[in-house]
């Protein structure tokens, strides 16, 4: 989503040495108050709102707050890969349906396995 937003808004493809990290935003998609005046909000249609913020010094470093139906809130970081490695601890790992390590089988998360 962050890559598509960046392409839609800036016409830019996120390529090395830049990367993307996503985490679930437990703050409900709210931009911190000191940064809010500098953020720009984009409404991409019913239920999909994106807030974008970047530093003037390097407009290729971007923070997104993504809100889907005001229910699912994500934070996206586009930054240099070396800087993003420090965020790897903070960013949540993906759960649910995904390919296993061998890329030939699908791993099903335990909460889906036990669903009745």
PDB file of N, CA and C in Angstrom:
ATOM      1  N   UNK A   1       0.811  -1.199   0.000  1.00  0.00           N
ATOM      2  CA  UNK A   1       0.000   0.000   0.000  1.00  0.00           C
ATOM      3  C   UNK A   1       0.852   1.259   0.000  1.00  0.00           C
ATOM      4  N   UNK A   2       1.920   1.256   0.802  1.00  0.00           N
ATOM      5  CA  UNK A   2       2.769   2.446   0.876  1.00  0.00           C
ATOM      6  C   UNK A   2       3.459   2.701  -0.461  1.00  0.00           C
ATOM      7  N   UNK A   3       3.889   1.648  -1.129  1.00  0.00           N
ATOM      8  CA  UNK A   3       4.531   1.808  -2.443  1.00  0.00           C
ATOM      9  C   UNK A   3       3.550   2.395  -3.457  1.00  0.00           C
ATOM     10  N   UNK A   4       2.322   1.912  -3.432  1.00  0.00           N
ATOM     11  CA  UNK A   4       1.308   2.411  -4.364  1.00  0.00           C
ATOM     12  C   UNK A   4       0.965   3.866  -4.049  1.00  0.00           C
ATOM     13  N   UNK A   5       0.836   4.190  -2.764  1.00  0.00           N
ATOM     14  CA  UNK A   5       0.560   5.580  -2.372  1.00  0.00           C
ATOM     15  C   UNK A   5       1.675   6.498  -2.858  1.00  0.00           C
ATOM     16  N   UNK A   6       2.905   6.075  -2.690  1.00  0.00           N
ATOM     17  CA  UNK A   6       4.043   6.899  -3.100  1.00  0.00           C
ATOM     18  C   UNK A   6       4.045   7.085  -4.618  1.00  0.00           C
ATOM     19  N   UNK A   7       3.678   6.051  -5.336  1.00  0.00           N
ATOM     20  CA  UNK A   7       3.618   6.180  -6.793  1.00  0.00           C
ATOM     21  C   UNK A   7       2.453   7.068  -7.222  1.00  0.00           C
ATOM     22  N   UNK A   8       1.319   6.902  -6.579  1.00  0.00           N
ATOM     23  CA  UNK A   8       0.123   7.690  -6.920  1.00  0.00           C
ATOM     24  C   UNK A   8       0.334   9.172  -6.593  1.00  0.00           C
ATOM     25  N   UNK A   9       0.944   9.459  -5.453  1.00  0.00           N
ATOM     26  CA  UNK A   9       1.096  10.849  -5.000  1.00  0.00           C
ATOM     27  C   UNK A   9       2.290  11.540  -5.659  1.00  0.00           C
ATOM     28  N   UNK A  10       3.432  10.845  -5.719  1.00  0.00           N
ATOM     29  CA  UNK A  10       4.666  11.470  -6.212  1.00  0.00           C
ATOM     30  C   UNK A  10       5.123  10.959  -7.569  1.00  0.00           C
ATOM     31  N   UNK A  11       4.527   9.872  -8.058  1.00  0.00           N
ATOM     32  CA  UNK A  11       4.988   9.283  -9.312  1.00  0.00           C
ATOM     33  C   UNK A  11       6.340   8.614  -9.160  1.00  0.00           C
ATOM     34  N   UNK A  12       6.616   8.132  -7.959  1.00  0.00           N
ATOM     35  CA  UNK A  12       7.929   7.572  -7.612  1.00  0.00           C
ATOM     36  C   UNK A  12       7.817   6.084  -7.310  1.00  0.00           C
ATOM     37  N   UNK A  13       8.780   5.325  -7.796  1.00  0.00           N
ATOM     38  CA  UNK A  13       8.926   3.926  -7.408  1.00  0.00           C
ATOM     39  C   UNK A  13       9.925   3.868  -6.265  1.00  0.00           C
ATOM     40  N   UNK A  14       9.596   3.147  -5.209  1.00  0.00           N
ATOM     41  CA  UNK A  14      10.508   3.017  -4.077  1.00  0.00           C
ATOM     42  C   UNK A  14      11.537   1.953  -4.430  1.00  0.00           C
ATOM     43  N   UNK A  15      12.775   2.380  -4.626  1.00  0.00           N
ATOM     44  CA  UNK A  15      13.859   1.485  -5.011  1.00  0.00           C
ATOM     45  C   UNK A  15      15.049   1.706  -4.096  1.00  0.00           C
ATOM     46  N   UNK A  16      15.975   0.729  -4.070  1.00  0.00           N
ATOM     47  CA  UNK A  16      17.172   0.826  -3.255  1.00  0.00           C
ATOM     48  C   UNK A  16      17.918   2.119  -3.532  1.00  0.00           C
ATOM     49  N   UNK A  17      18.525   2.662  -2.524  1.00  0.00           N
ATOM     50  CA  UNK A  17      18.778   2.131  -1.180  1.00  0.00           C
ATOM     51  C   UNK A  17      17.619   2.340  -0.211  1.00  0.00           C
ATOM     52  N   UNK A  18      16.452   2.747  -0.716  1.00  0.00           N
ATOM     53  CA  UNK A  18      15.287   2.954   0.136  1.00  0.00           C
ATOM     54  C   UNK A  18      14.474   1.678   0.255  1.00  0.00           C
ATOM     55  N   UNK A  19      13.761   1.538   1.369  1.00  0.00           N
ATOM     56  CA  UNK A  19      12.912   0.384   1.609  1.00  0.00           C
ATOM     57  C   UNK A  19      11.644   0.817   2.321  1.00  0.00           C
ATOM     58  N   UNK A  20      10.778  -0.163   2.601  1.00  0.00           N
ATOM     59  CA  UNK A  20       9.487   0.109   3.232  1.00  0.00           C
ATOM     60  C   UNK A  20       9.307  -0.813   4.424  1.00  0.00           C
ATOM     61  N   UNK A  21       8.780  -0.279   5.522  1.00  0.00           N
ATOM     62  CA  UNK A  21       8.367  -1.076   6.674  1.00  0.00           C
ATOM     63  C   UNK A  21       6.965  -0.640   7.061  1.00  0.00           C
ATOM     64  N   UNK A  22       6.142  -1.601   7.461  1.00  0.00           N
ATOM     65  CA  UNK A  22       4.758  -1.344   7.839  1.00  0.00           C
ATOM     66  C   UNK A  22       4.535  -1.873   9.249  1.00  0.00           C
ATOM     67  N   UNK A  23       3.759  -1.153  10.028  1.00  0.00           N
ATOM     68  CA  UNK A  23       3.360  -1.655  11.340  1.00  0.00           C
ATOM     69  C   UNK A  23       1.910  -1.255  11.590  1.00  0.00           C
ATOM     70  N   UNK A  24       1.267  -2.000  12.456  1.00  0.00           N
ATOM     71  CA  UNK A  24      -0.093  -1.655  12.866  1.00  0.00           C
ATOM     72  C   UNK A  24       0.013  -0.465  13.805  1.00  0.00           C
ATOM     73  N   UNK A  25      -0.809   0.538  13.575  1.00  0.00           N
ATOM     74  CA  UNK A  25      -0.771   1.759  14.376  1.00  0.00           C
ATOM     75  C   UNK A  25      -1.808   1.672  15.486  1.00  0.00           C
ATOM     76  N   UNK A  26      -1.343   1.426  16.683  1.00  0.00           N
ATOM     77  CA  UNK A  26      -2.255   1.301  17.825  1.00  0.00           C
ATOM     78  C   UNK A  26      -2.799   2.650  18.281  1.00  0.00           C
ATOM     79  N   UNK A  27      -2.223   3.755  17.775  1.00  0.00           N
ATOM     80  CA  UNK A  27      -2.701   5.089  18.139  1.00  0.00           C
ATOM     81  C   UNK A  27      -3.918   5.501  17.315  1.00  0.00           C
ATOM     82  N   UNK A  28      -4.387   4.634  16.435  1.00  0.00           N
ATOM     83  CA  UNK A  28      -5.595   4.920  15.672  1.00  0.00           C
ATOM     84  C   UNK A  28      -5.391   5.807  14.468  1.00  0.00           C
ATOM     85  N   UNK A  29      -4.184   5.821  13.911  1.00  0.00           N
ATOM     86  CA  UNK A  29      -3.935   6.605  12.702  1.00  0.00           C
ATOM     87  C   UNK A  29      -3.798   8.090  12.936  1.00  0.00           C
ATOM     88  N   UNK A  30      -3.534   8.476  14.160  1.00  0.00           N
ATOM     89  CA  UNK A  30      -3.421   9.898  14.503  1.00  0.00           C
ATOM     90  C   UNK A  30      -1.957  10.329  14.412  1.00  0.00           C
ATOM     91  N   UNK A  31      -1.703  11.349  13.621  1.00  0.00           N
ATOM     92  CA  UNK A  31      -0.362  11.903  13.490  1.00  0.00           C
ATOM     93  C   UNK A  31      -0.025  12.640  14.780  1.00  0.00           C
ATOM     94  N   UNK A  32       1.188  12.458  15.334  1.00  0.00           N
ATOM     95  CA  UNK A  32       1.560  13.183  16.554  1.00  0.00           C
ATOM     96  C   UNK A  32       1.344  14.690  16.395  1.00  0.00           C
ATOM     97  N   UNK A  33       0.811  15.322  17.417  1.00  0.00           N
ATOM     98  CA  UNK A  33       0.411  16.737  17.381  1.00  0.00           C
ATOM     99  C   UNK A  33       1.487  17.688  16.839  1.00  0.00           C
ATOM    100  N   UNK A  34       2.765  17.556  17.257  1.00  0.00           N
ATOM    101  CA  UNK A  34       3.757  18.509  16.733  1.00  0.00           C
ATOM    102  C   UNK A  34       3.981  18.376  15.220  1.00  0.00           C
ATOM    103  N   UNK A  35       3.686  17.211  14.660  1.00  0.00           N
ATOM    104  CA  UNK A  35       3.916  16.989  13.229  1.00  0.00           C
ATOM    105  C   UNK A  35       2.683  17.251  12.371  1.00  0.00           C
ATOM    106  N   UNK A  36       1.512  17.289  12.988  1.00  0.00           N
ATOM    107  CA  UNK A  36       0.246  17.395  12.257  1.00  0.00           C
ATOM    108  C   UNK A  36       0.171  18.592  11.296  1.00  0.00           C
ATOM    109  N   UNK A  37       0.668  19.773  11.659  1.00  0.00           N
ATOM    110  CA  UNK A  37       0.555  20.906  10.716  1.00  0.00           C
ATOM    111  C   UNK A  37       1.342  20.701   9.417  1.00  0.00           C
ATOM    112  N   UNK A  38       2.315  19.798   9.426  1.00  0.00           N
ATOM    113  CA  UNK A  38       3.159  19.590   8.256  1.00  0.00           C
ATOM    114  C   UNK A  38       2.705  18.405   7.405  1.00  0.00           C
ATOM    115  N   UNK A  39       1.718  17.671   7.866  1.00  0.00           N
ATOM    116  CA  UNK A  39       1.236  16.484   7.161  1.00  0.00           C
ATOM    117  C   UNK A  39       0.136  16.865   6.174  1.00  0.00           C
ATOM    118  N   UNK A  40       0.052  16.086   5.107  1.00  0.00           N
ATOM    119  CA  UNK A  40      -0.985  16.314   4.105  1.00  0.00           C
ATOM    120  C   UNK A  40      -1.876  15.083   4.041  1.00  0.00           C
ATOM    121  N   UNK A  41      -3.188  15.297   4.033  1.00  0.00           N
ATOM    122  CA  UNK A  41      -4.155  14.203   4.032  1.00  0.00           C
ATOM    123  C   UNK A  41      -4.690  14.003   2.616  1.00  0.00           C
ATOM    124  N   UNK A  42      -4.751  12.727   2.203  1.00  0.00           N
ATOM    125  CA  UNK A  42      -5.297  12.346   0.906  1.00  0.00           C
ATOM    126  C   UNK A  42      -6.460  11.390   1.148  1.00  0.00           C
ATOM    127  N   UNK A  43      -7.548  11.628   0.460  1.00  0.00           N
ATOM    128  CA  UNK A  43      -8.716  10.755   0.561  1.00  0.00           C
ATOM    129  C   UNK A  43      -8.849  10.030  -0.774  1.00  0.00           C
ATOM    130  N   UNK A  44      -8.578   8.721  -0.761  1.00  0.00           N
ATOM    131  CA  UNK A  44      -8.591   7.934  -1.985  1.00  0.00           C
ATOM    132  C   UNK A  44      -9.900   7.194  -2.196  1.00  0.00           C
ATOM    133  N   UNK A  45     -10.971   7.676  -1.624  1.00  0.00           N
ATOM    134  CA  UNK A  45     -12.257   7.044  -1.851  1.00  0.00           C
ATOM    135  C   UNK A  45     -12.849   6.515  -0.574  1.00  0.00           C
ATOM    136  N   UNK A  46     -13.971   5.851  -0.705  1.00  0.00           N
ATOM    137  CA  UNK A  46     -14.697   5.413   0.489  1.00  0.00           C
ATOM    138  C   UNK A  46     -13.834   4.552   1.407  1.00  0.00           C
ATOM    139  N   UNK A  47     -13.600   5.066   2.582  1.00  0.00           N
ATOM    140  CA  UNK A  47     -12.942   4.290   3.607  1.00  0.00           C
ATOM    141  C   UNK A  47     -11.437   4.215   3.538  1.00  0.00           C
ATOM    142  N   UNK A  48     -10.787   4.898   2.604  1.00  0.00           N
ATOM    143  CA  UNK A  48      -9.328   4.804   2.484  1.00  0.00           C
ATOM    144  C   UNK A  48      -8.720   6.194   2.554  1.00  0.00           C
ATOM    145  N   UNK A  49      -8.127   6.512   3.713  1.00  0.00           N
ATOM    146  CA  UNK A  49      -7.532   7.824   3.949  1.00  0.00           C
ATOM    147  C   UNK A  49      -6.052   7.656   4.259  1.00  0.00           C
ATOM    148  N   UNK A  50      -5.237   8.504   3.678  1.00  0.00           N
ATOM    149  CA  UNK A  50      -3.792   8.433   3.842  1.00  0.00           C
ATOM    150  C   UNK A  50      -3.280   9.796   4.272  1.00  0.00           C
ATOM    151  N   UNK A  51      -2.429   9.815   5.291  1.00  0.00           N
ATOM    152  CA  UNK A  51      -1.757  11.042   5.714  1.00  0.00           C
ATOM    153  C   UNK A  51      -0.280  10.867   5.412  1.00  0.00           C
ATOM    154  N   UNK A  52       0.316  11.843   4.753  1.00  0.00           N
ATOM    155  CA  UNK A  52       1.713  11.746   4.304  1.00  0.00           C
ATOM    156  C   UNK A  52       2.529  12.867   4.934  1.00  0.00           C
ATOM    157  N   UNK A  53       3.740  12.506   5.365  1.00  0.00           N
ATOM    158  CA  UNK A  53       4.650  13.471   5.981  1.00  0.00           C
ATOM    159  C   UNK A  53       6.064  13.155   5.516  1.00  0.00           C
ATOM    160  N   UNK A  54       6.834  14.186   5.178  1.00  0.00           N
ATOM    161  CA  UNK A  54       8.228  13.988   4.781  1.00  0.00           C
ATOM    162  C   UNK A  54       9.063  15.180   5.250  1.00  0.00           C
ATOM    163  N   UNK A  55      10.352  14.947   5.531  1.00  0.00           N
ATOM    164  CA  UNK A  55      11.214  16.061   5.931  1.00  0.00           C
ATOM    165  C   UNK A  55      11.661  16.856   4.700  1.00  0.00           C
ATOM    166  N   UNK A  56      11.827  18.143   4.843  1.00  0.00           N
ATOM    167  CA  UNK A  56      12.243  18.997   3.733  1.00  0.00           C
ATOM    168  C   UNK A  56      13.646  18.619   3.265  1.00  0.00           C
ATOM    169  N   UNK A  57      14.494  18.172   4.200  1.00  0.00           N
ATOM    170  CA  UNK A  57      15.884  17.853   3.875  1.00  0.00           C
ATOM    171  C   UNK A  57      15.996  16.686   2.887  1.00  0.00           C
ATOM    172  N   UNK A  58      15.098  15.704   2.993  1.00  0.00           N
ATOM    173  CA  UNK A  58      15.125  14.549   2.101  1.00  0.00           C
ATOM    174  C   UNK A  58      13.690  14.105   1.824  1.00  0.00           C
ATOM    175  N   UNK A  59      13.090  14.597   0.744  1.00  0.00           N
ATOM    176  CA  UNK A  59      11.689  14.261   0.455  1.00  0.00           C
ATOM    177  C   UNK A  59      11.478  12.797   0.074  1.00  0.00           C
ATOM    178  N   UNK A  60      12.553  12.012  -0.038  1.00  0.00           N
ATOM    179  CA  UNK A  60      12.416  10.585  -0.333  1.00  0.00           C
ATOM    180  C   UNK A  60      12.175   9.765   0.932  1.00  0.00           C
ATOM    181  N   UNK A  61      12.369  10.380   2.101  1.00  0.00           N
ATOM    182  CA  UNK A  61      12.047   9.736   3.370  1.00  0.00           C
ATOM    183  C   UNK A  61      10.618  10.145   3.713  1.00  0.00           C
ATOM    184  N   UNK A  62       9.743   9.164   3.858  1.00  0.00           N
ATOM    185  CA  UNK A  62       8.315   9.458   4.004  1.00  0.00           C
ATOM    186  C   UNK A  62       7.714   8.634   5.136  1.00  0.00           C
ATOM    187  N   UNK A  63       6.745   9.209   5.823  1.00  0.00           N
ATOM    188  CA  UNK A  63       5.928   8.495   6.805  1.00  0.00           C
ATOM    189  C   UNK A  63       4.491   8.575   6.339  1.00  0.00           C
ATOM    190  N   UNK A  64       3.813   7.429   6.368  1.00  0.00           N
ATOM    191  CA  UNK A  64       2.400   7.370   6.036  1.00  0.00           C
ATOM    192  C   UNK A  64       1.614   6.865   7.228  1.00  0.00           C
ATOM    193  N   UNK A  65       0.453   7.427   7.436  1.00  0.00           N
ATOM    194  CA  UNK A  65      -0.543   6.895   8.350  1.00  0.00           C
ATOM    195  C   UNK A  65      -1.718   6.510   7.457  1.00  0.00           C
ATOM    196  N   UNK A  66      -2.031   5.235   7.402  1.00  0.00           N
ATOM    197  CA  UNK A  66      -3.058   4.727   6.507  1.00  0.00           C
ATOM    198  C   UNK A  66      -4.236   4.253   7.343  1.00  0.00           C
ATOM    199  N   UNK A  67      -5.434   4.718   6.993  1.00  0.00           N
ATOM    200  CA  UNK A  67      -6.642   4.347   7.713  1.00  0.00           C
ATOM    201  C   UNK A  67      -7.631   3.722   6.730  1.00  0.00           C
ATOM    202  N   UNK A  68      -8.056   2.504   7.033  1.00  0.00           N
ATOM    203  CA  UNK A  68      -9.002   1.793   6.188  1.00  0.00           C
ATOM    204  C   UNK A  68     -10.299   1.636   6.965  1.00  0.00           C
ATOM    205  N   UNK A  69     -11.357   2.248   6.441  1.00  0.00           N
ATOM    206  CA  UNK A  69     -12.681   2.267   7.075  1.00  0.00           C
ATOM    207  C   UNK A  69     -12.614   2.694   8.536  1.00  0.00           C
ATOM    208  N   UNK A  70     -11.642   3.513   8.871  1.00  0.00           N
ATOM    209  CA  UNK A  70     -11.449   4.007  10.235  1.00  0.00           C
ATOM    210  C   UNK A  70     -11.427   2.864  11.258  1.00  0.00           C
ATOM    211  N   UNK A  71     -10.991   1.689  10.779  1.00  0.00           N
ATOM    212  CA  UNK A  71     -10.938   0.508  11.634  1.00  0.00           C
ATOM    213  C   UNK A  71      -9.532  -0.072  11.692  1.00  0.00           C
ATOM    214  N   UNK A  72      -8.911  -0.213  10.538  1.00  0.00           N
ATOM    215  CA  UNK A  72      -7.541  -0.722  10.457  1.00  0.00           C
ATOM    216  C   UNK A  72      -6.628   0.463  10.207  1.00  0.00           C
ATOM    217  N   UNK A  73      -5.653   0.653  11.105  1.00  0.00           N
ATOM    218  CA  UNK A  73      -4.732   1.778  11.008  1.00  0.00           C
ATOM    219  C   UNK A  73      -3.315   1.244  10.886  1.00  0.00           C
ATOM    220  N   UNK A  74      -2.607   1.704   9.864  1.00  0.00           N
ATOM    221  CA  UNK A  74      -1.239   1.269   9.613  1.00  0.00           C
ATOM    222  C   UNK A  74      -0.316   2.469   9.579  1.00  0.00           C
ATOM    223  N   UNK A  75       0.934   2.223   9.953  1.00  0.00           N
ATOM    224  CA  UNK A  75       1.993   3.211   9.801  1.00  0.00           C
ATOM    225  C   UNK A  75       2.985   2.643   8.803  1.00  0.00           C
ATOM    226  N   UNK A  76       3.391   3.427   7.841  1.00  0.00           N
ATOM    227  CA  UNK A  76       4.363   2.981   6.847  1.00  0.00           C
ATOM    228  C   UNK A  76       5.568   3.908   6.877  1.00  0.00           C
ATOM    229  N   UNK A  77       6.733   3.316   6.802  1.00  0.00           N
ATOM    230  CA  UNK A  77       7.982   4.058   6.807  1.00  0.00           C
ATOM    231  C   UNK A  77       8.693   3.790   5.490  1.00  0.00           C
ATOM    232  N   UNK A  78       9.057   4.830   4.777  1.00  0.00           N
ATOM    233  CA  UNK A  78       9.913   4.712   3.603  1.00  0.00           C
ATOM    234  C   UNK A  78      11.179   5.473   3.956  1.00  0.00           C
ATOM    235  N   UNK A  79      12.284   4.748   4.006  1.00  0.00           N
ATOM    236  CA  UNK A  79      13.537   5.340   4.469  1.00  0.00           C
ATOM    237  C   UNK A  79      14.686   4.516   3.899  1.00  0.00           C
ATOM    238  N   UNK A  80      15.910   4.931   4.180  1.00  0.00           N
ATOM    239  CA  UNK A  80      17.079   4.148   3.788  1.00  0.00           C
ATOM    240  C   UNK A  80      17.045   2.811   4.512  1.00  0.00           C
ATOM    241  N   UNK A  81      17.399   1.739   3.811  1.00  0.00           N
ATOM    242  CA  UNK A  81      17.337   0.387   4.392  1.00  0.00           C
ATOM    243  C   UNK A  81      18.098   0.302   5.700  1.00  0.00           C
ATOM    244  N   UNK A  82      19.262   0.933   5.783  1.00  0.00           N
ATOM    245  CA  UNK A  82      20.051   0.843   7.018  1.00  0.00           C
ATOM    246  C   UNK A  82      19.330   1.490   8.195  1.00  0.00           C
ATOM    247  N   UNK A  83      18.568   2.542   7.945  1.00  0.00           N
ATOM    248  CA  UNK A  83      17.788   3.176   9.007  1.00  0.00           C
ATOM    249  C   UNK A  83      16.576   2.319   9.376  1.00  0.00           C
ATOM    250  N   UNK A  84      16.001   1.649   8.402  1.00  0.00           N
ATOM    251  CA  UNK A  84      14.812   0.828   8.655  1.00  0.00           C
ATOM    252  C   UNK A  84      15.121  -0.404   9.495  1.00  0.00           C
ATOM    253  N   UNK A  85      16.344  -0.873   9.452  1.00  0.00           N
ATOM    254  CA  UNK A  85      16.694  -2.049  10.264  1.00  0.00           C
ATOM    255  C   UNK A  85      16.463  -1.802  11.745  1.00  0.00           C
ATOM    256  N   UNK A  86      16.624  -0.555  12.186  1.00  0.00           N
ATOM    257  CA  UNK A  86      16.377  -0.226  13.597  1.00  0.00           C
ATOM    258  C   UNK A  86      14.886  -0.294  13.917  1.00  0.00           C
ATOM    259  N   UNK A  87      14.018  -0.168  12.911  1.00  0.00           N
ATOM    260  CA  UNK A  87      12.572  -0.246  13.119  1.00  0.00           C
ATOM    261  C   UNK A  87      12.047  -1.675  13.099  1.00  0.00           C
ATOM    262  N   UNK A  88      12.857  -2.620  12.665  1.00  0.00           N
ATOM    263  CA  UNK A  88      12.392  -4.000  12.532  1.00  0.00           C
ATOM    264  C   UNK A  88      11.857  -4.569  13.838  1.00  0.00           C
ATOM    265  N   UNK A  89      12.377  -4.129  14.957  1.00  0.00           N
ATOM    266  CA  UNK A  89      11.891  -4.599  16.253  1.00  0.00           C
ATOM    267  C   UNK A  89      10.502  -4.029  16.524  1.00  0.00           C
ATOM    268  N   UNK A  90      10.273  -2.774  16.133  1.00  0.00           N
ATOM    269  CA  UNK A  90       8.998  -2.092  16.391  1.00  0.00           C
ATOM    270  C   UNK A  90       7.890  -2.558  15.455  1.00  0.00           C
ATOM    271  N   UNK A  91       8.235  -2.836  14.211  1.00  0.00           N
ATOM    272  CA  UNK A  91       7.221  -3.205  13.218  1.00  0.00           C
ATOM    273  C   UNK A  91       6.724  -4.615  13.475  1.00  0.00           C
ATOM    274  N   UNK A  92       5.406  -4.767  13.434  1.00  0.00           N
ATOM    275  CA  UNK A  92       4.812  -6.076  13.710  1.00  0.00           C
ATOM    276  C   UNK A  92       5.043  -7.013  12.536  1.00  0.00           C
ATOM    277  N   UNK A  93       5.164  -8.276  12.845  1.00  0.00           N
ATOM    278  CA  UNK A  93       5.316  -9.294  11.819  1.00  0.00           C
ATOM    279  C   UNK A  93       3.944  -9.658  11.277  1.00  0.00           C
ATOM    280  N   UNK A  94       3.897 -10.056  10.038  1.00  0.00           N
ATOM    281  CA  UNK A  94       2.637 -10.411   9.402  1.00  0.00           C
ATOM    282  C   UNK A  94       2.145 -11.732   9.966  1.00  0.00           C
ATOM    283  N   UNK A  95       0.868 -11.796  10.285  1.00  0.00           N
ATOM    284  CA  UNK A  95       0.231 -13.029  10.741  1.00  0.00           C
ATOM    285  C   UNK A  95      -0.869 -13.378   9.764  1.00  0.00           C
ATOM    286  N   UNK A  96      -1.236 -14.635   9.730  1.00  0.00           N
ATOM    287  CA  UNK A  96      -2.321 -15.056   8.848  1.00  0.00           C
ATOM    288  C   UNK A  96      -1.794 -15.948   7.753  1.00  0.00           C
ATOM    289  N   UNK A  97      -2.436 -15.946   6.623  1.00  0.00           N
ATOM    290  CA  UNK A  97      -2.029 -16.791   5.514  1.00  0.00           C
ATOM    291  C   UNK A  97      -0.781 -16.225   4.860  1.00  0.00           C
ATOM    292  N   UNK A  98       0.242 -17.048   4.745  1.00  0.00           N
ATOM    293  CA  UNK A  98       1.464 -16.628   4.083  1.00  0.00           C
ATOM    294  C   UNK A  98       2.272 -17.853   3.690  1.00  0.00           C
ATOM    295  N   UNK A  99       3.175 -17.676   2.768  1.00  0.00           N
ATOM    296  CA  UNK A  99       3.999 -18.784   2.330  1.00  0.00           C
ATOM    297  C   UNK A  99       5.010 -19.149   3.401  1.00  0.00           C
ATOM    298  N   UNK A 100       5.331 -20.426   3.474  1.00  0.00           N
ATOM    299  CA  UNK A 100       6.333 -20.888   4.422  1.00  0.00           C
ATOM    300  C   UNK A 100       7.730 -20.573   3.933  1.00  0.00           C
ATOM    301  N   UNK A 101       8.747 -20.972   4.700  1.00  0.00           N
ATOM    302  CA  UNK A 101      10.129 -20.685   4.351  1.00  0.00           C
ATOM    303  C   UNK A 101      10.539 -21.343   3.038  1.00  0.00           C
ATOM    304  N   UNK A 102       9.958 -22.503   2.748  1.00  0.00           N
ATOM    305  CA  UNK A 102      10.347 -23.192   1.521  1.00  0.00           C
ATOM    306  C   UNK A 102       9.625 -22.652   0.287  1.00  0.00           C
ATOM    307  N   UNK A 103       8.710 -21.698   0.461  1.00  0.00           N
ATOM    308  CA  UNK A 103       7.964 -21.040  -0.605  1.00  0.00           C
ATOM    309  C   UNK A 103       7.122 -22.000  -1.446  1.00  0.00           C
ATOM    310  N   UNK A 104       6.943 -23.261  -0.979  1.00  0.00           N
ATOM    311  CA  UNK A 104       6.124 -24.207  -1.720  1.00  0.00           C
ATOM    312  C   UNK A 104       4.852 -24.554  -0.974  1.00  0.00           C
ATOM    313  N   UNK A 105       4.773 -24.176   0.273  1.00  0.00           N
ATOM    314  CA  UNK A 105       3.583 -24.507   1.044  1.00  0.00           C
ATOM    315  C   UNK A 105       3.065 -23.255   1.738  1.00  0.00           C
ATOM    316  N   UNK A 106       1.819 -23.288   2.125  1.00  0.00           N
ATOM    317  CA  UNK A 106       1.203 -22.150   2.788  1.00  0.00           C
ATOM    318  C   UNK A 106       1.132 -22.422   4.289  1.00  0.00           C
ATOM    319  N   UNK A 107       1.558 -21.459   5.078  1.00  0.00           N
ATOM    320  CA  UNK A 107       1.472 -21.583   6.529  1.00  0.00           C
ATOM    321  C   UNK A 107       0.183 -20.926   6.972  1.00  0.00           C
ATOM    322  N   UNK A 108      -0.580 -21.605   7.797  1.00  0.00           N
ATOM    323  CA  UNK A 108      -1.831 -21.066   8.305  1.00  0.00           C
ATOM    324  C   UNK A 108      -1.643 -20.752   9.777  1.00  0.00           C
ATOM    325  N   UNK A 109      -1.920 -19.526  10.131  1.00  0.00           N
ATOM    326  CA  UNK A 109      -1.757 -19.067  11.504  1.00  0.00           C
ATOM    327  C   UNK A 109      -2.646 -19.886  12.444  1.00  0.00           C
ATOM    328  N   UNK A 110      -2.198 -20.144  13.696  1.00  0.00           N
ATOM    329  CA  UNK A 110      -2.971 -20.956  14.621  1.00  0.00           C
ATOM    330  C   UNK A 110      -4.392 -20.447  14.885  1.00  0.00           C
ATOM    331  N   UNK A 111      -4.596 -19.133  14.886  1.00  0.00           N
ATOM    332  CA  UNK A 111      -5.952 -18.640  15.150  1.00  0.00           C
ATOM    333  C   UNK A 111      -6.915 -19.015  14.022  1.00  0.00           C
ATOM    334  N   UNK A 112      -6.417 -19.165  12.797  1.00  0.00           N
ATOM    335  CA  UNK A 112      -7.277 -19.609  11.700  1.00  0.00           C
ATOM    336  C   UNK A 112      -7.489 -21.116  11.730  1.00  0.00           C
ATOM    337  N   UNK A 113      -6.464 -21.836  12.162  1.00  0.00           N
ATOM    338  CA  UNK A 113      -6.544 -23.295  12.249  1.00  0.00           C
ATOM    339  C   UNK A 113      -7.625 -23.743  13.223  1.00  0.00           C
ATOM    340  N   UNK A 114      -7.756 -23.001  14.332  1.00  0.00           N
ATOM    341  CA  UNK A 114      -8.687 -23.372  15.396  1.00  0.00           C
ATOM    342  C   UNK A 114     -10.051 -22.711  15.257  1.00  0.00           C
ATOM    343  N   UNK A 115     -10.270 -22.024  14.160  1.00  0.00           N
ATOM    344  CA  UNK A 115     -11.541 -21.336  13.949  1.00  0.00           C
ATOM    345  C   UNK A 115     -12.648 -22.340  13.644  1.00  0.00           C
ATOM    346  N   UNK A 116     -13.784 -22.163  14.250  1.00  0.00           N
ATOM    347  CA  UNK A 116     -14.889 -23.080  13.963  1.00  0.00           C
ATOM    348  C   UNK A 116     -16.159 -22.327  13.655  1.00  0.00           C
TER     349      UNK A 116
END
